[in-house]
Protein backbone atom coordinates (compact mmCIF):
# COMPACT_ATOMS: atom_id res chain seq x y z
CA UNK A 1 0.00 0.00 0.00
CA UNK A 2 1.32 3.43 -0.92
CA UNK A 3 1.29 6.57 1.22
CA UNK A 4 2.68 10.09 0.80
CA UNK A 5 6.08 10.24 2.44
CA UNK A 6 7.54 13.44 1.00
CA UNK A 7 6.13 16.47 -0.76
CA UNK A 8 8.70 18.16 -3.01
CA UNK A 9 8.64 21.91 -3.58
CA UNK A 10 10.84 23.69 -6.14
CA UNK A 11 12.49 26.83 -4.76
CA UNK A 12 15.08 29.33 -5.94
CA UNK A 13 16.88 29.54 -2.56
CA UNK A 14 16.85 26.28 -0.59
CA UNK A 15 18.29 27.70 2.64
CA UNK A 16 15.81 30.60 2.70
CA UNK A 17 12.93 28.21 1.98
CA UNK A 18 14.12 25.81 4.70
CA UNK A 19 14.15 28.68 7.18
CA UNK A 20 10.63 29.81 6.22
CA UNK A 21 9.00 26.37 6.01
CA UNK A 22 10.85 25.14 9.08
CA UNK A 23 9.46 27.99 11.16
CA UNK A 24 6.05 27.86 9.46
CA UNK A 25 5.52 24.12 10.06
CA UNK A 26 7.85 23.57 13.03
CA UNK A 27 9.98 21.25 10.90
CA UNK A 28 13.75 20.75 10.94
CA UNK A 29 16.27 19.59 8.33
CA UNK A 30 16.44 15.79 8.42
CA UNK A 31 20.23 15.84 8.02
CA UNK A 32 20.82 18.54 10.63
CA UNK A 33 21.22 21.55 8.33
CA UNK A 34 19.87 22.86 5.04
CA UNK A 35 22.00 22.37 1.93
CA UNK A 36 22.18 24.72 -1.06
CA UNK A 37 20.52 22.42 -3.61
CA UNK A 38 18.29 19.92 -1.72
CA UNK A 39 16.98 19.65 1.81
CA UNK A 40 14.37 17.45 3.41
CA UNK A 41 12.45 18.90 6.37
CA UNK A 42 10.71 16.64 8.89
CA UNK A 43 8.35 17.33 11.81
CA UNK A 44 10.01 18.17 15.13
CA UNK A 45 7.22 16.35 16.96
CA UNK A 46 4.85 13.61 15.94
CA UNK A 47 4.46 12.33 12.43
CA UNK A 48 3.61 13.82 9.09
CA UNK A 49 4.91 13.96 5.54
CA UNK A 50 8.39 15.30 4.94
CA UNK A 51 8.78 18.48 2.87
CA UNK A 52 11.69 18.37 0.42
CA UNK A 53 13.02 21.61 -1.02
CA UNK A 54 14.63 21.25 -4.43
CA UNK A 55 16.66 23.97 -6.14
CA UNK A 56 14.72 25.07 -9.23
CA UNK A 57 15.07 27.68 -11.96
CA UNK A 58 11.53 27.13 -13.26
CA UNK A 59 9.27 30.17 -12.80
CA UNK A 60 6.50 30.00 -10.19
CA UNK A 61 3.04 29.21 -11.60
CA UNK A 62 0.48 31.97 -10.90
CA UNK A 63 -2.23 29.29 -10.66
CA UNK A 64 -0.32 26.21 -9.47
CA UNK A 65 -1.56 22.78 -10.40
CA UNK A 66 -0.37 21.41 -7.04
CA UNK A 67 -0.11 23.33 -3.78
CA UNK A 68 -0.11 22.82 -0.01
CA UNK A 69 -3.28 23.22 2.08
CA UNK A 70 -2.44 23.96 5.71
CA UNK A 71 -5.32 23.32 8.11
CA UNK A 72 -5.98 25.58 11.08
CA UNK A 73 -8.22 24.53 14.00
CA UNK A 74 -10.97 27.11 13.40
CA UNK A 75 -11.64 30.65 12.12
CA UNK A 76 -9.70 32.40 14.90
CA UNK A 77 -6.74 30.04 14.52
CA UNK A 78 -6.79 30.56 10.73
CA UNK A 79 -6.55 34.34 11.19
CA UNK A 80 -3.75 33.98 13.74
CA UNK A 81 -1.81 31.54 11.55
CA UNK A 82 -2.13 33.78 8.49
CA UNK A 83 -0.68 36.67 10.51
CA UNK A 84 2.10 34.45 11.90
CA UNK A 85 3.02 33.21 8.41
CA UNK A 86 3.06 36.77 7.05
CA UNK A 87 5.37 37.76 9.91
CA UNK A 88 7.70 34.92 8.82
CA UNK A 89 7.88 36.22 5.25
CA UNK A 90 4.77 34.93 3.48
CA UNK A 91 2.77 37.37 1.38
CA UNK A 92 -0.97 37.63 0.93
CA UNK A 93 -2.07 36.84 -2.63
CA UNK A 94 -4.78 38.90 -4.29
CA UNK A 95 -6.46 35.74 -5.57
CA UNK A 96 -8.92 36.45 -8.38
CA UNK A 97 -10.41 32.95 -8.05
CA UNK A 98 -11.76 33.33 -4.50
CA UNK A 99 -15.33 32.05 -4.27
CA UNK A 100 -17.90 34.00 -2.29
CA UNK A 101 -17.26 33.49 1.45
CA UNK A 102 -14.13 31.30 1.09
CA UNK A 103 -12.86 28.92 3.77
CA UNK A 104 -9.25 29.50 2.68
CA UNK A 105 -6.68 32.27 2.45
CA UNK A 106 -4.06 32.16 -0.31
CA UNK A 107 -0.51 33.08 0.66
CA UNK A 108 2.84 32.85 -1.12
CA UNK A 109 6.09 31.75 0.49
CA UNK A 110 9.26 33.87 0.02
CA UNK A 111 9.83 32.12 -3.34
CA UNK A 112 6.31 32.94 -4.54
CA UNK A 113 5.00 29.37 -4.18
CA UNK A 114 1.32 29.64 -3.34
CA UNK A 115 -0.35 27.74 -0.53
CA UNK A 116 -3.63 27.94 1.37
CA UNK A 117 -4.53 28.24 5.03
CA UNK A 118 -7.85 26.47 5.54
CA UNK A 119 -10.56 26.91 8.19
CA UNK A 120 -12.07 23.39 8.34
CA UNK A 121 -14.96 24.60 10.51
CA UNK A 122 -16.21 27.05 7.86
């Protein structure tokens, strides 16, 4: 039986991305420190998929075919997490595809990779 073990994200600066995603998800480099071309981050506590950061020169997609959905506990937690992620270097995305009354907020990491913060109670 298969399961997702690692999600791979292309980035232009692996060390910067490792710093952002490590702080955002409370993950650490599996091998102790981030490398310049490839780093795998793993949860500091508990289990979860690893996040691999791969050096890439491919431009960021404005409407990515694959992206991360990060789940908050509720509406208040979603708002707090969005603010925390912005303070770490994420940017709010003026997303033209928002539905009316969305349960998600679109952000971009320091490389411009888009991801969503979801309120599952919405």
